[in-house]
Amino acid sequence: MARVIALANQKGGVGKTTTAVNLGAALAHLGNKTLIVDLDPQGNATIGLGVDRSELSLSVYQLLLEELPAQEAVLPTKYQRLFLIPSTIELAGAEIELVAMVSREYRLQEALKDIKDGYDFVLLDCPPSLGLLTINAMTAADSILIPIQCEFYALEGVTQLLNTINLVRRRLNPRLELEGVLLTMFDGRTTLSQDVERDVRAVFEGRVFRSNIPRSVRLAEAPSHGKSILEYEPHSRGAQAYLALAKEVLEK
């Protein structure tokens, strides 16, 4: 049975999509059939995997709003064992349209029910909000991975996110767990990164991944080429960090 992991943080720019794409590529590289579901209307995971959104006719929007069978929206990627359910601009209106839907919090769970067991991992790339798209992801997921950027306001908003996770656990998805907290854009040469790491590891004692994702020009460049870091610069620090993270995920 697939492990379904939602990557969530209502703050933008913390590395959710970078992690979804590169953790997915790393898990696939290590032999695991992996599906990435792009739930962000910006579609950065879709673009980052080299898919032209303008050519898409089916996406996660049809799964959530039109009950399209999920398999019809799954795309192969250039990576062996890595697959994608893409996002298009249509998804921008989904938050409003979902409000009137029956069982609106369970739409994604229902959509993935028939296909998820065909994968080892399903990664849900959430938008930077705690709206209905993210709630759908949390309801469908087994666990939440929280990327936290190593900057001054790193822990800002995390309490609200944890409260939302606890609310979903109580009312919608009792099996939901914290997969772990991931420190991103880490620069061990700076006092700031060291201080943030110390604070985050103190707050989330025992729940922070050993692997930190470095601040890296190569990681920032890779999506503009439609590639994961493992293809774009396989020997870089970023590639090695995501491979190490994938191995930690597999240890659980």
Protein backbone atom coordinates (compact mmCIF):
# COMPACT_ATOMS: atom_id res chain seq x y z
CA MET A 1 0.00 0.00 0.00
CA ALA A 2 1.28 3.45 -0.91
CA ARG A 3 2.44 5.88 1.73
CA VAL A 4 0.69 9.18 1.04
CA ILE A 5 2.69 12.19 2.22
CA ALA A 6 1.42 15.78 2.02
CA LEU A 7 4.02 18.54 1.86
CA ALA A 8 2.43 21.49 3.62
CA ASN A 9 3.23 24.90 5.02
CA GLN A 10 0.99 27.92 4.54
CA LYS A 11 4.06 30.10 4.06
CA GLY A 12 5.27 30.44 0.49
CA GLY A 13 8.86 30.05 -0.61
CA VAL A 14 9.84 27.45 1.97
CA GLY A 15 10.69 24.68 -0.51
CA LYS A 16 7.50 22.60 -0.70
CA THR A 17 7.56 22.18 -4.47
CA THR A 18 11.34 21.84 -4.65
CA THR A 19 11.03 19.07 -2.09
CA ALA A 20 8.07 17.38 -3.78
CA VAL A 21 9.89 17.21 -7.12
CA ASN A 22 13.31 16.24 -5.80
CA LEU A 23 12.16 13.87 -3.05
CA GLY A 24 9.93 12.21 -5.65
CA ALA A 25 12.83 11.89 -8.07
CA ALA A 26 15.08 10.55 -5.31
CA LEU A 27 12.52 7.96 -4.18
CA ALA A 28 12.08 6.86 -7.80
CA HIS A 29 15.87 6.73 -8.25
CA LEU A 30 16.02 4.39 -5.24
CA GLY A 31 13.55 2.00 -6.88
CA ASN A 32 10.17 3.22 -5.63
CA LYS A 33 7.21 3.84 -7.92
CA THR A 34 6.20 7.36 -6.98
CA LEU A 35 3.30 9.66 -7.89
CA ILE A 36 3.41 13.43 -7.40
CA VAL A 37 0.03 15.19 -7.21
CA ASP A 38 0.33 18.93 -7.94
CA LEU A 39 -2.34 20.68 -5.84
CA ASP A 40 -0.95 24.19 -6.27
CA PRO A 41 -2.76 26.36 -8.86
CA GLN A 42 0.63 27.88 -9.73
CA GLY A 43 1.60 24.44 -11.06
CA ASN A 44 5.28 24.72 -10.22
CA ALA A 45 5.72 20.99 -9.66
CA THR A 46 4.17 20.38 -13.08
CA ILE A 47 6.51 22.90 -14.71
CA GLY A 48 9.48 21.64 -12.71
CA LEU A 49 8.99 18.18 -14.18
CA GLY A 50 9.13 19.56 -17.71
CA VAL A 51 5.39 19.47 -18.50
CA ASP A 52 3.88 22.23 -20.65
CA ARG A 53 0.69 23.21 -18.81
CA SER A 54 -0.78 24.88 -21.90
CA GLU A 55 -1.02 21.48 -23.61
CA LEU A 56 -2.92 19.76 -20.81
CA SER A 57 -6.59 18.94 -21.03
CA LEU A 58 -6.86 16.83 -17.85
CA SER A 59 -5.50 17.69 -14.44
CA VAL A 60 -6.16 17.43 -10.71
CA TYR A 61 -9.02 19.91 -11.22
CA GLN A 62 -11.07 17.27 -13.06
CA LEU A 63 -10.38 14.79 -10.25
CA LEU A 64 -11.68 17.14 -7.57
CA LEU A 65 -14.55 18.87 -9.35
CA GLU A 66 -15.66 16.50 -12.10
CA GLU A 67 -14.90 13.10 -10.55
CA LEU A 68 -12.56 12.09 -13.35
CA PRO A 69 -10.98 8.66 -12.69
CA ALA A 70 -7.51 9.49 -11.40
CA GLN A 71 -5.69 7.15 -13.76
CA GLU A 72 -6.87 9.21 -16.72
CA ALA A 73 -4.94 12.25 -15.43
CA VAL A 74 -1.68 10.45 -14.58
CA LEU A 75 1.27 11.40 -16.77
CA PRO A 76 4.60 9.61 -17.07
CA THR A 77 7.63 11.82 -16.55
CA LYS A 78 11.10 11.59 -18.04
CA TYR A 79 12.15 9.66 -14.93
CA GLN A 80 11.65 5.94 -14.61
CA ARG A 81 9.12 5.10 -11.86
CA LEU A 82 8.07 8.76 -11.38
CA PHE A 83 4.55 9.87 -12.38
CA LEU A 84 2.56 13.10 -12.12
CA ILE A 85 -1.02 14.29 -11.82
CA PRO A 86 -0.55 17.86 -13.07
CA SER A 87 -2.11 21.18 -12.15
CA THR A 88 -3.52 23.74 -14.55
CA ILE A 89 -4.76 27.30 -14.07
CA GLU A 90 -8.31 25.92 -13.72
CA LEU A 91 -7.39 24.91 -10.18
CA ALA A 92 -7.30 28.59 -9.14
CA GLY A 93 -11.08 28.58 -8.79
CA ALA A 94 -11.31 25.23 -7.05
CA GLU A 95 -11.28 26.62 -3.50
CA ILE A 96 -14.52 28.51 -4.20
CA GLU A 97 -16.13 25.72 -6.21
CA LEU A 98 -15.38 23.10 -3.56
CA VAL A 99 -17.30 25.00 -0.90
CA ALA A 100 -20.66 23.87 -2.30
CA MET A 101 -19.56 20.27 -2.92
CA VAL A 102 -20.83 17.29 -0.93
CA SER A 103 -18.03 15.73 1.19
CA ARG A 104 -15.78 18.54 0.01
CA GLU A 105 -12.90 17.61 2.33
CA TYR A 106 -12.78 14.04 1.00
CA ARG A 107 -12.70 14.71 -2.75
CA LEU A 108 -8.99 13.94 -3.16
CA GLN A 109 -9.11 10.89 -0.90
CA GLU A 110 -11.91 9.44 -3.00
CA ALA A 111 -10.16 10.31 -6.25
CA LEU A 112 -6.94 8.55 -5.25
CA LYS A 113 -8.58 5.51 -3.67
CA ASP A 114 -8.52 3.34 -6.78
CA ILE A 115 -4.95 4.07 -7.87
CA LYS A 116 -2.79 4.73 -4.83
CA ASP A 117 -2.04 1.08 -4.17
CA GLY A 118 -0.27 0.96 -7.53
CA TYR A 119 2.49 3.16 -6.07
CA ASP A 120 4.98 2.95 -3.25
CA PHE A 121 4.70 6.66 -2.49
CA VAL A 122 2.21 9.43 -3.32
CA LEU A 123 3.47 12.97 -2.66
CA LEU A 124 0.88 15.76 -2.43
CA ASP A 125 2.34 19.21 -3.19
CA CYS A 126 0.07 21.66 -1.35
CA PRO A 127 -0.51 25.35 -2.12
CA PRO A 128 0.79 27.99 0.33
CA SER A 129 -2.49 28.25 2.25
CA LEU A 130 -4.64 26.32 4.68
CA GLY A 131 -7.68 26.31 2.40
CA LEU A 132 -9.74 23.42 1.06
CA LEU A 133 -7.03 22.15 -1.29
CA THR A 134 -4.63 21.70 1.63
CA ILE A 135 -7.40 20.24 3.82
CA ASN A 136 -8.13 17.73 1.03
CA ALA A 137 -4.46 16.77 1.01
CA MET A 138 -4.36 16.32 4.78
CA THR A 139 -7.52 14.21 4.67
CA ALA A 140 -6.05 11.98 1.96
CA ALA A 141 -2.58 11.71 3.52
CA ASP A 142 -1.03 9.30 5.96
CA SER A 143 1.46 11.92 7.10
CA ILE A 144 2.57 15.55 6.75
CA LEU A 145 6.07 16.69 5.83
CA ILE A 146 6.65 20.32 6.85
CA PRO A 147 9.46 22.20 5.07
CA ILE A 148 10.76 25.15 7.14
CA GLN A 149 13.08 27.74 5.64
CA CYS A 150 16.16 28.67 7.65
CA GLU A 151 15.32 32.35 7.93
CA PHE A 152 14.35 34.76 10.69
CA TYR A 153 10.60 34.11 10.65
CA ALA A 154 11.05 30.34 10.26
CA LEU A 155 8.55 29.33 12.94
CA GLU A 156 6.00 32.03 12.13
CA GLY A 157 2.66 30.42 11.38
CA VAL A 158 3.78 26.92 12.37
CA THR A 159 1.45 26.95 15.39
CA GLN A 160 -1.51 27.62 13.08
CA LEU A 161 -0.39 24.80 10.79
CA LEU A 162 -0.10 22.37 13.71
CA ASN A 163 -3.53 23.42 14.97
CA THR A 164 -4.96 22.69 11.53
CA ILE A 165 -3.25 19.28 11.45
CA ASN A 166 -4.72 18.46 14.88
CA LEU A 167 -8.17 19.61 13.77
CA VAL A 168 -8.01 17.42 10.66
CA ARG A 169 -6.83 14.50 12.78
CA ARG A 170 -9.76 14.89 15.19
CA ARG A 171 -12.51 15.48 12.65
CA LEU A 172 -11.47 14.07 9.28
CA ASN A 173 -8.44 11.80 9.33
CA PRO A 174 -7.48 10.13 12.65
CA ARG A 175 -4.54 8.29 11.06
CA LEU A 176 -2.73 11.52 10.09
CA GLU A 177 0.80 11.72 11.50
CA LEU A 178 3.73 14.11 11.31
CA GLU A 179 6.20 12.60 8.84
CA GLY A 180 8.81 15.11 9.92
CA VAL A 181 10.10 18.66 9.67
CA LEU A 182 12.62 19.47 6.96
CA LEU A 183 15.04 22.38 7.21
CA THR A 184 15.49 24.01 3.79
CA MET A 185 17.77 26.71 2.39
CA PHE A 186 20.27 25.86 5.11
CA ASP A 187 23.67 27.55 5.15
CA GLY A 188 25.82 26.15 7.93
CA ARG A 189 28.30 29.02 7.55
CA THR A 190 25.82 31.54 8.94
CA THR A 191 24.84 32.07 12.55
CA LEU A 192 21.22 32.55 11.46
CA SER A 193 20.92 29.08 9.95
CA GLN A 194 22.57 27.56 13.00
CA ASP A 195 20.19 29.42 15.32
CA VAL A 196 17.12 28.42 13.30
CA GLU A 197 18.24 24.78 13.26
CA ARG A 198 18.72 24.82 17.03
CA ASP A 199 15.30 26.39 17.62
CA VAL A 200 13.44 24.09 15.22
CA ARG A 201 15.08 20.96 16.63
CA ALA A 202 14.16 22.12 20.15
CA VAL A 203 10.51 22.77 19.22
CA PHE A 204 10.11 19.54 17.22
CA GLU A 205 12.34 17.34 19.33
CA GLY A 206 13.00 14.05 17.55
CA ARG A 207 10.76 14.97 14.59
CA VAL A 208 13.26 16.89 12.44
CA PHE A 209 15.01 15.07 9.60
CA ARG A 210 18.75 14.64 9.98
CA SER A 211 19.18 15.82 6.41
CA ASN A 212 19.16 19.59 5.85
CA ILE A 213 18.55 20.92 2.34
CA PRO A 214 21.29 23.45 1.49
CA ARG A 215 20.82 26.86 -0.03
CA SER A 216 21.95 26.13 -3.57
CA VAL A 217 22.04 27.93 -6.90
CA ARG A 218 21.79 24.57 -8.67
CA LEU A 219 18.57 23.71 -6.83
CA ALA A 220 17.13 27.07 -7.83
CA GLU A 221 18.16 26.64 -11.47
CA ALA A 222 16.90 23.08 -12.02
CA PRO A 223 13.13 23.88 -12.35
CA SER A 224 13.76 26.42 -15.11
CA HIS A 225 15.16 23.51 -17.14
CA GLY A 226 12.22 21.25 -16.29
CA LYS A 227 14.51 18.91 -14.39
CA SER A 228 14.98 17.54 -10.91
CA ILE A 229 18.31 18.24 -9.24
CA LEU A 230 19.22 14.56 -9.70
CA GLU A 231 19.15 15.03 -13.46
CA TYR A 232 20.35 18.63 -13.62
CA GLU A 233 23.37 18.30 -11.29
CA PRO A 234 23.49 14.77 -9.85
CA HIS A 235 26.72 15.27 -7.93
CA SER A 236 25.70 18.56 -6.29
CA ARG A 237 25.13 19.02 -2.56
CA GLY A 238 21.42 19.48 -3.24
CA ALA A 239 21.13 16.16 -5.05
CA GLN A 240 22.97 14.34 -2.30
CA ALA A 241 20.79 16.01 0.35
CA TYR A 242 17.58 14.86 -1.32
CA LEU A 243 18.90 11.33 -1.74
CA ALA A 244 19.75 11.32 1.98
CA LEU A 245 16.25 12.60 2.77
CA ALA A 246 14.68 9.86 0.63
CA LYS A 247 16.66 7.24 2.54
CA GLU A 248 15.40 8.67 5.83
CA VAL A 249 11.82 8.51 4.56
CA LEU A 250 12.39 4.88 3.55
CA GLU A 251 13.71 4.08 7.03
CA LYS A 252 10.31 4.85 8.59
